[in-house]
Amino acid sequence: MIRYGSVCSGIEEKTCTMCRVEKPLSAFHRQGARRHSYCADCYNARYRGKARKPLSAGARRCQNFRARYGISAAEADALLVGQGGVCAICRKPPARPVVDHCHKTGKVRSVLCHPCNVALPHVEDEAFRTAALAYLRERN
């Protein structure tokens, strides 16, 4: 199957769907392995001024919590306050609080400090836990 405007088909020019002018392939932005249907000039004219405005740190935080965990930043803060402002594992105030969640179900468990969150997957692995305890007993 020959694709219109692809380099593989030997076609070196393509017609822009907006301005209807035939231009070389280099005048079209790449879109993966293919090229946009309209030329770079038309693309830039269409999207000029429509760039996303940068989010504030608070808005970006809210967006990340909603996308990653399905909760709001306020709900995450409430979880930490409900825990007394400390990590659910080491019971120390977290310098860098992290929302802990189950990767299988996506359900939020609690708020942990970063070191506890990083160590948690290893502790959940029975073979690693057994090997680590044997190592510590042997070395101490």
Protein backbone atom coordinates (compact mmCIF):
# COMPACT_ATOMS: atom_id res chain seq x y z
CA MET A 1 0.00 0.00 0.00
CA ILE A 2 1.41 3.38 -0.99
CA ARG A 3 0.85 6.20 1.48
CA TYR A 4 0.39 9.65 0.06
CA GLY A 5 3.27 11.90 1.06
CA SER A 6 5.43 9.22 2.61
CA VAL A 7 9.12 9.02 1.92
CA CYS A 8 8.83 5.27 1.27
CA SER A 9 6.49 5.81 -1.68
CA GLY A 10 9.03 8.06 -3.37
CA ILE A 11 6.80 11.13 -3.22
CA GLU A 12 8.89 14.16 -2.35
CA GLU A 13 6.04 16.69 -2.25
CA LYS A 14 2.71 16.88 -0.52
CA THR A 15 -0.32 19.17 -0.82
CA CYS A 16 -1.26 21.09 2.34
CA THR A 17 -4.93 20.50 3.25
CA MET A 18 -5.30 24.08 4.51
CA CYS A 19 -3.62 26.30 1.93
CA ARG A 20 -3.89 23.74 -0.94
CA VAL A 21 -0.32 24.44 -2.06
CA GLU A 22 2.01 21.61 -3.03
CA LYS A 23 5.18 21.82 -0.91
CA PRO A 24 8.22 19.62 -0.22
CA LEU A 25 7.89 17.10 2.63
CA SER A 26 10.41 19.13 4.66
CA ALA A 27 7.73 21.87 4.94
CA PHE A 28 5.51 19.56 7.02
CA HIS A 29 5.97 18.77 10.73
CA ARG A 30 6.61 15.15 11.63
CA GLN A 31 3.91 13.25 13.47
CA GLY A 32 5.60 10.01 14.48
CA ALA A 33 6.72 8.32 11.26
CA ARG A 34 4.26 10.36 9.19
CA ARG A 35 3.83 14.06 8.41
CA HIS A 36 1.04 16.45 9.36
CA SER A 37 -1.66 16.99 6.74
CA TYR A 38 -1.01 20.72 6.72
CA CYS A 39 2.29 22.53 6.27
CA ALA A 40 4.37 24.05 9.06
CA ASP A 41 3.34 27.60 8.08
CA CYS A 42 -0.38 26.77 8.31
CA TYR A 43 0.16 24.74 11.48
CA ASN A 44 2.03 27.61 13.17
CA ALA A 45 -0.59 30.16 12.07
CA ARG A 46 -3.40 27.99 13.38
CA TYR A 47 -1.87 27.28 16.78
CA ARG A 48 -0.03 30.56 17.39
CA GLY A 49 -1.29 32.08 20.64
CA LYS A 50 -3.03 28.85 21.63
CA ALA A 51 -0.11 27.52 23.62
CA ARG A 52 -0.95 26.23 27.05
CA LYS A 53 -0.30 28.65 29.85
CA PRO A 54 2.07 27.27 32.47
CA LEU A 55 0.31 26.02 35.58
CA SER A 56 1.16 27.33 39.00
CA ALA A 57 2.86 24.89 41.38
CA GLY A 58 -0.38 24.40 43.31
CA ALA A 59 -2.46 23.79 40.19
CA ARG A 60 0.14 21.36 38.83
CA ARG A 61 0.11 19.50 42.18
CA CYS A 62 -3.69 19.23 42.09
CA GLN A 63 -3.59 17.98 38.50
CA ASN A 64 -0.95 15.35 39.33
CA PHE A 65 -2.88 14.02 42.34
CA ARG A 66 -6.08 13.77 40.30
CA ALA A 67 -4.35 12.04 37.36
CA ARG A 68 -2.18 9.64 39.37
CA TYR A 69 -4.32 8.73 42.35
CA GLY A 70 -7.85 9.94 41.61
CA ILE A 71 -7.88 12.20 44.68
CA SER A 72 -7.48 15.92 45.15
CA ALA A 73 -4.47 17.52 46.80
CA ALA A 74 -6.76 18.54 49.67
CA GLU A 75 -7.71 14.88 50.21
CA ALA A 76 -4.01 13.92 50.30
CA ASP A 77 -3.35 16.68 52.83
CA ALA A 78 -6.31 15.44 54.89
CA LEU A 79 -4.82 11.93 54.87
CA LEU A 80 -1.57 13.28 56.31
CA VAL A 81 -3.41 15.31 58.96
CA GLY A 82 -5.48 12.21 59.82
CA GLN A 83 -2.22 10.35 60.44
CA GLY A 84 -1.11 13.03 62.88
CA GLY A 85 1.23 14.64 60.34
CA VAL A 86 3.63 11.69 60.37
CA CYS A 87 4.60 8.86 58.00
CA ALA A 88 2.35 5.82 58.40
CA ILE A 89 5.40 3.51 58.70
CA CYS A 90 8.27 5.24 60.51
CA ARG A 91 6.03 7.71 62.41
CA LYS A 92 8.34 10.66 61.63
CA PRO A 93 7.20 13.93 60.00
CA PRO A 94 7.87 13.44 56.29
CA ALA A 95 10.22 15.95 54.67
CA ARG A 96 8.93 14.76 51.30
CA PRO A 97 5.44 13.26 51.69
CA VAL A 98 4.37 10.69 49.10
CA VAL A 99 0.93 9.18 48.49
CA ASP A 100 1.21 5.40 48.77
CA HIS A 101 -1.15 3.36 46.61
CA CYS A 102 -1.65 -0.23 45.48
CA HIS A 103 -0.37 -0.64 41.94
CA LYS A 104 -2.79 -3.51 41.27
CA THR A 105 -6.02 -1.82 42.37
CA GLY A 106 -4.99 1.84 42.29
CA LYS A 107 -6.45 2.33 45.78
CA VAL A 108 -4.75 4.96 47.94
CA ARG A 109 -3.41 3.53 51.21
CA SER A 110 -1.88 6.46 53.12
CA VAL A 111 0.87 9.08 53.06
CA LEU A 112 4.47 7.99 53.60
CA CYS A 113 7.86 9.65 53.67
CA HIS A 114 9.93 9.15 50.53
CA PRO A 115 12.46 6.67 52.07
CA CYS A 116 9.66 4.42 53.38
CA ASN A 117 7.84 4.56 50.05
CA VAL A 118 11.00 3.56 48.17
CA ALA A 119 11.70 0.67 50.58
CA LEU A 120 8.11 -0.62 50.66
CA PRO A 121 8.17 -2.77 47.48
CA HIS A 122 11.24 -4.60 48.74
CA VAL A 123 9.67 -5.27 52.14
CA GLU A 124 6.53 -6.66 50.48
CA ASP A 125 8.66 -9.23 48.60
CA GLU A 126 8.98 -12.26 50.91
CA ALA A 127 12.18 -13.55 49.28
CA PHE A 128 13.90 -10.17 49.55
CA ARG A 129 12.79 -9.71 53.16
CA THR A 130 14.12 -13.15 54.13
CA ALA A 131 17.44 -12.55 52.35
CA ALA A 132 17.81 -9.07 53.87
CA LEU A 133 17.13 -10.32 57.41
CA ALA A 134 19.62 -13.18 56.94
CA TYR A 135 22.19 -10.70 55.67
CA LEU A 136 21.70 -8.41 58.67
CA ARG A 137 21.87 -11.29 61.17
CA GLU A 138 25.05 -12.59 59.51
CA ARG A 139 26.77 -9.18 59.43
CA ASN A 140 25.83 -7.99 62.92
